[in-house]
N, C-alpha and C. Protein backbone atom coordinates (compact mmCIF):
# COMPACT_ATOMS: atom_id res chain seq x y z
N MET A 1 84.96 101.37 110.55
CA MET A 1 86.04 102.49 110.77
C MET A 1 86.44 103.16 109.82
N LYS A 2 86.37 104.61 110.15
CA LYS A 2 86.63 105.82 108.70
C LYS A 2 87.84 105.52 108.64
N ILE A 3 88.58 105.90 107.36
CA ILE A 3 90.05 106.15 106.97
C ILE A 3 90.07 107.73 106.80
N VAL A 4 90.97 107.87 107.56
CA VAL A 4 91.43 109.66 107.59
C VAL A 4 91.67 110.10 106.07
N SER A 5 90.86 111.19 105.66
CA SER A 5 90.75 111.44 104.28
C SER A 5 92.38 111.88 103.76
N LEU A 6 92.77 111.33 102.60
CA LEU A 6 93.88 112.04 102.08
C LEU A 6 94.32 113.70 102.44
N LYS A 7 93.45 113.95 101.99
CA LYS A 7 93.21 115.68 102.45
C LYS A 7 93.77 116.28 103.36
N ALA A 8 92.72 115.60 104.52
CA ALA A 8 93.18 115.91 106.03
C ALA A 8 94.56 115.37 106.45
N ALA A 9 94.84 113.97 106.09
CA ALA A 9 96.15 113.65 106.28
C ALA A 9 97.32 114.57 105.84
N ALA A 10 97.26 114.88 104.70
CA ALA A 10 98.14 115.69 104.04
C ALA A 10 97.99 117.14 104.37
N ALA A 11 97.25 117.67 104.96
CA ALA A 11 97.29 119.04 105.61
C ALA A 11 97.83 118.78 107.06
N ALA A 12 97.49 117.92 107.56
CA ALA A 12 97.73 117.63 108.93
C ALA A 12 99.34 117.42 108.89
N LEU A 13 99.78 116.62 108.19
CA LEU A 13 101.53 116.37 108.11
C LEU A 13 102.07 117.59 107.62
N MET A 14 101.47 118.65 106.91
CA MET A 14 102.21 119.42 106.62
C MET A 14 102.22 120.59 107.54
N LEU A 15 101.23 120.87 108.25
CA LEU A 15 101.18 121.30 109.94
C LEU A 15 102.16 121.06 110.54
N ALA A 16 102.61 119.68 110.97
CA ALA A 16 103.50 119.20 111.57
C ALA A 16 105.13 119.33 111.01
N GLY A 17 105.02 119.71 109.81
CA GLY A 17 106.61 119.83 109.29
C GLY A 17 107.17 118.47 108.92
N ALA A 18 106.50 117.72 108.74
CA ALA A 18 106.64 116.27 108.23
C ALA A 18 106.79 115.82 106.67
N VAL A 19 106.10 116.65 106.06
CA VAL A 19 106.26 116.40 104.71
C VAL A 19 107.06 117.45 104.00
N ALA A 20 106.16 118.80 104.28
CA ALA A 20 106.57 119.83 103.25
C ALA A 20 107.05 121.00 104.26
N GLY A 21 107.59 120.79 105.11
CA GLY A 21 108.12 121.98 106.06
C GLY A 21 107.28 122.64 106.62
N GLY A 22 105.69 122.45 106.65
CA GLY A 22 104.56 123.19 107.23
C GLY A 22 105.19 124.17 108.30
N ALA A 23 103.61 124.45 108.74
CA ALA A 23 103.56 125.79 109.81
C ALA A 23 103.78 125.01 111.23
N ALA A 24 104.11 125.90 112.05
CA ALA A 24 104.32 125.49 113.46
C ALA A 24 102.71 125.71 114.32
N LEU A 25 102.29 124.42 114.92
CA LEU A 25 101.10 124.67 115.60
C LEU A 25 101.59 125.61 117.25
N THR A 26 100.69 126.06 117.53
CA THR A 26 100.89 126.89 118.88
C THR A 26 101.48 126.20 119.77
N VAL A 27 101.14 124.75 119.85
CA VAL A 27 101.81 123.98 120.89
C VAL A 27 102.93 123.53 120.39
N ALA A 28 103.24 123.66 119.68
CA ALA A 28 104.77 123.11 118.56
C ALA A 28 105.82 124.06 119.01
N PRO A 29 107.22 123.39 118.56
CA PRO A 29 108.21 124.19 118.42
C PRO A 29 107.98 125.40 117.51
N ALA A 30 108.81 126.15 117.64
CA ALA A 30 108.70 127.53 116.55
C ALA A 30 109.17 127.01 115.12
N TYR A 31 108.94 127.86 114.16
CA TYR A 31 108.84 127.26 112.73
C TYR A 31 110.39 126.82 112.63
N ALA A 32 111.29 127.94 112.93
CA ALA A 32 112.48 127.79 112.71
C ALA A 32 113.13 126.37 113.29
N ASP A 33 112.79 126.03 114.46
CA ASP A 33 113.12 124.84 115.02
C ASP A 33 112.53 123.62 114.15
N ILE A 34 111.26 123.84 113.82
CA ILE A 34 110.76 122.68 113.17
C ILE A 34 111.54 122.44 111.65
N ALA A 35 111.90 123.65 111.00
CA ALA A 35 112.58 123.52 109.77
C ALA A 35 113.73 123.17 110.04
N ALA A 36 114.46 123.17 111.11
CA ALA A 36 116.02 122.57 111.40
C ALA A 36 115.89 121.29 111.70
N SER A 37 114.69 120.72 112.45
CA SER A 37 114.50 119.29 112.63
C SER A 37 114.62 118.69 111.55
N LYS A 38 113.62 119.13 110.46
CA LYS A 38 113.31 118.75 109.25
C LYS A 38 114.61 118.43 108.34
N ALA A 39 115.45 119.52 108.37
CA ALA A 39 116.58 119.44 107.42
C ALA A 39 117.47 118.40 108.20
N MET A 40 117.72 118.31 109.32
CA MET A 40 118.79 117.48 110.02
C MET A 40 118.08 115.85 109.69
N VAL A 41 116.82 115.69 109.72
CA VAL A 41 116.11 114.35 109.52
C VAL A 41 116.08 113.88 108.36
N ASP A 42 115.84 114.98 107.20
CA ASP A 42 116.03 114.47 105.59
C ASP A 42 117.65 114.12 105.33
N ALA A 43 118.56 114.93 105.98
CA ALA A 43 119.68 114.36 105.98
C ALA A 43 119.92 112.97 106.45
N ALA A 44 119.72 112.61 107.64
CA ALA A 44 119.54 111.21 107.92
C ALA A 44 118.80 110.15 107.30
N LYS A 45 117.74 110.93 106.71
CA LYS A 45 116.92 109.84 106.04
C LYS A 45 117.68 109.70 104.67
N ALA A 46 118.26 110.40 104.07
CA ALA A 46 119.28 110.10 102.91
C ALA A 46 120.36 109.40 103.13
N ALA A 47 120.84 109.54 104.44
CA ALA A 47 122.35 108.34 104.77
C ALA A 47 121.62 107.14 105.51
N GLY A 48 120.39 106.96 105.59
CA GLY A 48 119.76 105.69 105.86
C GLY A 48 119.78 105.50 107.51
N LYS A 49 119.76 106.49 107.98
CA LYS A 49 119.79 106.11 109.54
C LYS A 49 118.52 106.13 110.00
N VAL A 50 117.34 107.13 109.66
CA VAL A 50 116.27 107.36 109.89
C VAL A 50 115.22 107.06 108.69
N GLY A 51 114.24 106.44 109.20
CA GLY A 51 113.15 105.83 108.27
C GLY A 51 111.77 106.19 108.66
N GLU A 52 110.56 105.88 108.01
CA GLU A 52 109.15 106.17 108.19
C GLU A 52 108.75 104.66 108.65
N MET A 53 108.37 104.66 109.92
CA MET A 53 107.63 103.51 110.40
C MET A 53 106.25 103.39 109.91
N ASN A 54 105.78 102.08 109.78
CA ASN A 54 104.34 101.87 109.40
C ASN A 54 103.24 102.46 110.55
N THR A 55 103.70 103.15 111.27
CA THR A 55 102.74 103.85 112.32
C THR A 55 102.40 105.11 111.84
N GLY A 56 103.32 105.63 111.12
CA GLY A 56 103.22 107.13 110.69
C GLY A 56 104.26 108.02 111.60
N TYR A 57 105.10 107.24 112.01
CA TYR A 57 106.29 108.28 112.73
C TYR A 57 107.29 107.95 112.22
N LEU A 58 108.37 108.55 112.72
CA LEU A 58 109.91 108.43 112.21
C LEU A 58 110.54 107.61 113.32
N GLY A 59 111.54 106.84 112.77
CA GLY A 59 111.99 105.55 113.53
C GLY A 59 113.59 105.75 113.22
N PHE A 60 114.56 105.05 113.81
CA PHE A 60 115.84 104.73 113.80
C PHE A 60 116.00 103.44 113.08
N VAL A 61 116.80 103.44 111.94
CA VAL A 61 116.99 102.32 111.17
C VAL A 61 117.73 101.22 111.87
N GLY A 62 118.81 101.63 112.36
CA GLY A 62 119.82 101.25 113.26
C GLY A 62 119.76 101.49 114.70
N ALA A 63 120.99 101.70 115.15
CA ALA A 63 120.86 102.06 116.76
C ALA A 63 120.45 103.37 116.71
N PRO A 64 119.55 103.62 118.00
CA PRO A 64 118.96 104.92 118.10
C PRO A 64 120.23 105.90 118.30
N ASP A 65 119.95 107.18 117.72
CA ASP A 65 120.82 108.16 118.23
C ASP A 65 120.27 108.98 119.65
N THR A 66 121.39 109.42 120.07
CA THR A 66 120.89 109.80 121.43
C THR A 66 120.97 111.56 121.55
N GLY A 67 121.80 112.07 120.23
CA GLY A 67 122.04 113.57 120.60
C GLY A 67 121.10 114.49 119.71
N ALA A 68 121.64 115.18 118.98
CA ALA A 68 120.66 116.37 118.27
C ALA A 68 119.51 115.68 117.29
N LEU A 69 120.02 114.54 116.75
CA LEU A 69 119.19 113.73 115.78
C LEU A 69 118.17 113.25 116.42
N LYS A 70 118.22 112.59 117.69
CA LYS A 70 117.19 112.18 118.48
C LYS A 70 116.07 113.28 118.65
N ALA A 71 116.59 114.28 119.14
CA ALA A 71 115.84 115.45 119.52
C ALA A 71 114.99 116.07 118.14
N ALA A 72 115.59 116.10 117.06
CA ALA A 72 115.05 116.67 115.72
C ALA A 72 113.96 115.33 115.43
N VAL A 73 114.31 114.14 115.59
CA VAL A 73 113.03 112.90 115.38
C VAL A 73 112.00 113.16 116.26
N ASP A 74 112.29 113.53 117.43
CA ASP A 74 111.14 113.52 118.93
C ASP A 74 110.43 114.92 118.09
N ASP A 75 111.03 115.80 117.79
CA ASP A 75 110.35 117.10 117.46
C ASP A 75 109.14 116.78 116.44
N ILE A 76 109.74 116.12 115.36
CA ILE A 76 108.86 115.85 114.15
C ILE A 76 107.71 114.81 114.59
N ASN A 77 108.25 113.67 115.25
CA ASN A 77 107.21 112.96 115.97
C ASN A 77 106.03 113.60 116.94
N ASN A 78 106.65 114.46 117.76
CA ASN A 78 105.63 115.36 118.51
C ASN A 78 104.47 115.93 117.74
N GLY A 79 105.08 116.54 116.64
CA GLY A 79 104.08 117.32 115.68
C GLY A 79 103.13 116.38 115.33
N ARG A 80 103.81 115.19 114.55
CA ARG A 80 102.89 114.38 113.98
C ARG A 80 101.72 113.54 115.09
N LYS A 81 102.24 113.49 116.43
CA LYS A 81 101.03 112.95 117.14
C LYS A 81 100.14 114.06 117.56
N GLN A 82 100.46 115.32 117.55
CA GLN A 82 99.28 116.18 117.75
C GLN A 82 98.38 116.23 116.49
N VAL A 83 99.01 116.14 115.42
CA VAL A 83 98.19 116.34 113.93
C VAL A 83 97.30 115.06 113.88
N TYR A 84 98.03 113.63 114.45
CA TYR A 84 96.98 112.35 114.13
C TYR A 84 96.07 112.73 115.43
N ALA A 85 96.06 113.17 116.23
CA ALA A 85 95.10 113.38 117.35
C ALA A 85 94.12 114.18 116.85
N GLN A 86 94.34 115.25 116.24
CA GLN A 86 93.42 116.10 115.72
C GLN A 86 92.78 115.44 114.52
N ALA A 87 93.40 114.76 113.36
CA ALA A 87 92.64 113.91 112.45
C ALA A 87 91.88 112.96 113.15
N ALA A 88 92.13 112.26 114.30
CA ALA A 88 91.64 111.32 114.64
C ALA A 88 90.21 111.82 115.25
N ALA A 89 90.02 112.88 115.86
CA ALA A 89 88.95 113.45 116.62
C ALA A 89 88.07 113.81 115.36
N LYS A 90 88.61 114.51 114.41
CA LYS A 90 87.71 114.75 113.32
C LYS A 90 87.07 113.76 112.80
N ASN A 91 87.70 112.78 112.49
CA ASN A 91 87.17 111.42 111.62
C ASN A 91 86.76 110.27 112.68
N GLY A 92 86.76 110.61 113.53
CA GLY A 92 86.17 109.20 114.78
C GLY A 92 87.00 107.96 114.54
N VAL A 93 88.21 108.23 114.45
CA VAL A 93 89.15 107.10 114.70
C VAL A 93 90.00 107.26 115.72
N SER A 94 91.24 106.22 116.05
CA SER A 94 91.73 106.27 116.90
C SER A 94 93.37 107.10 116.52
N PRO A 95 94.12 107.79 117.19
CA PRO A 95 95.12 108.36 116.85
C PRO A 95 96.11 107.37 116.21
N GLU A 96 96.16 106.09 116.58
CA GLU A 96 97.07 105.26 115.68
C GLU A 96 96.36 104.98 114.52
N ALA A 97 95.12 104.94 114.43
CA ALA A 97 94.66 105.01 112.72
C ALA A 97 94.94 105.79 111.93
N ALA A 98 94.82 106.90 112.90
CA ALA A 98 95.21 108.33 111.97
C ALA A 98 96.69 107.89 111.49
N GLY A 99 97.58 107.66 111.82
CA GLY A 99 98.83 107.59 111.66
C GLY A 99 99.22 106.79 110.78
N ILE A 100 98.56 105.52 111.07
CA ILE A 100 98.61 104.20 109.90
C ILE A 100 98.16 104.96 108.48
N SER A 101 96.96 105.56 108.45
CA SER A 101 96.26 106.00 107.31
C SER A 101 97.27 107.11 106.65
N ALA A 102 97.90 107.86 107.51
CA ALA A 102 98.94 108.93 106.99
C ALA A 102 99.91 108.20 106.30
N PHE A 103 100.67 107.14 106.64
CA PHE A 103 101.48 106.49 106.42
C PHE A 103 101.45 105.93 105.01
N ASN A 104 100.20 105.29 105.02
CA ASN A 104 99.59 104.36 103.50
C ASN A 104 99.44 105.69 102.34
N THR A 105 98.88 106.68 102.85
CA THR A 105 98.19 107.42 101.76
C THR A 105 98.99 108.87 101.62
N VAL A 106 99.76 108.99 102.75
CA VAL A 106 100.47 110.35 102.27
C VAL A 106 102.25 110.23 102.49
N ILE A 107 102.63 109.28 103.41
CA ILE A 107 103.93 109.22 103.72
C ILE A 107 104.65 108.50 102.69
N LEU A 108 104.19 107.30 102.57
CA LEU A 108 104.89 106.10 101.81
C LEU A 108 104.97 106.54 100.38
N PRO A 109 103.70 107.22 99.62
CA PRO A 109 103.94 107.67 98.33
C PRO A 109 105.07 108.77 97.90
N LYS A 110 105.36 109.62 98.93
CA LYS A 110 106.35 110.54 98.91
C LYS A 110 107.70 110.45 99.32
N LEU A 111 107.97 109.04 99.61
CA LEU A 111 109.43 108.58 99.89
C LEU A 111 110.43 108.58 98.55
N ASN A 112 111.55 109.22 98.78
CA ASN A 112 112.50 109.12 97.65
C ASN A 112 113.07 107.82 97.63
N PRO A 113 113.62 107.75 96.25
CA PRO A 113 114.14 106.19 96.06
C PRO A 113 115.67 106.29 97.09
N GLY A 114 115.60 104.96 97.77
CA GLY A 114 116.64 104.87 98.64
C GLY A 114 116.23 104.98 100.26
N ASP A 115 115.12 105.78 100.47
CA ASP A 115 114.56 105.84 101.79
C ASP A 115 114.16 104.71 102.46
N TYR A 116 114.45 104.66 103.57
CA TYR A 116 114.06 103.44 104.46
C TYR A 116 112.44 103.55 104.65
N TYR A 117 111.97 102.41 104.83
CA TYR A 117 110.44 102.53 105.65
C TYR A 117 110.20 101.22 106.21
N GLN A 118 109.32 101.02 107.12
CA GLN A 118 108.82 99.74 107.36
C GLN A 118 107.52 99.32 106.61
N ASP A 119 107.67 97.94 106.29
CA ASP A 119 106.62 97.13 105.55
C ASP A 119 105.50 96.73 106.43
N ALA A 120 104.72 96.24 106.25
CA ALA A 120 103.50 95.71 106.90
C ALA A 120 104.00 94.94 108.08
N THR A 121 104.90 94.31 107.92
CA THR A 121 105.59 93.29 108.96
C THR A 121 106.41 94.06 110.12
N GLY A 122 106.74 95.58 109.97
CA GLY A 122 107.54 96.11 110.75
C GLY A 122 109.14 95.91 110.14
N LYS A 123 109.27 95.35 109.02
CA LYS A 123 110.54 95.13 108.59
C LYS A 123 111.16 96.21 107.75
N TRP A 124 112.42 97.00 107.90
CA TRP A 124 112.93 98.06 107.32
C TRP A 124 113.47 97.56 105.75
N THR A 125 112.72 98.38 105.05
CA THR A 125 112.79 98.25 103.70
C THR A 125 113.27 99.54 102.76
N ARG A 126 114.04 99.17 101.80
CA ARG A 126 114.66 100.61 101.04
C ARG A 126 113.96 100.64 99.67
N LYS A 127 113.08 101.94 99.68
CA LYS A 127 112.51 102.29 98.46
C LYS A 127 113.48 101.92 97.11
């Protein structure tokens, strides 16, 4: 099984607005929507409400939110899903493998101190 390259995963995540505010894909929400979602999610991550799951997607550390924060998490996760599918097709792996690779090689190293993430067993851990 191939591992998605760091360069491909990083570029993919930036396109999805997941790491660095990236550009919108033609099928993703407009750039302003992604930027607003990212800002909301960043604040929720700092507050310990949202963390990075070991699958490459965002998740709720505690009880899931049902309002605007859930919509923002969904926006970013939908962008990531598209990016992982593209990276998977390019690298001959499953989208799930692309997400896990992105988590390990791109997302985890960029977490801020105090951010939550899932360890290999799925337990929420604070960096």
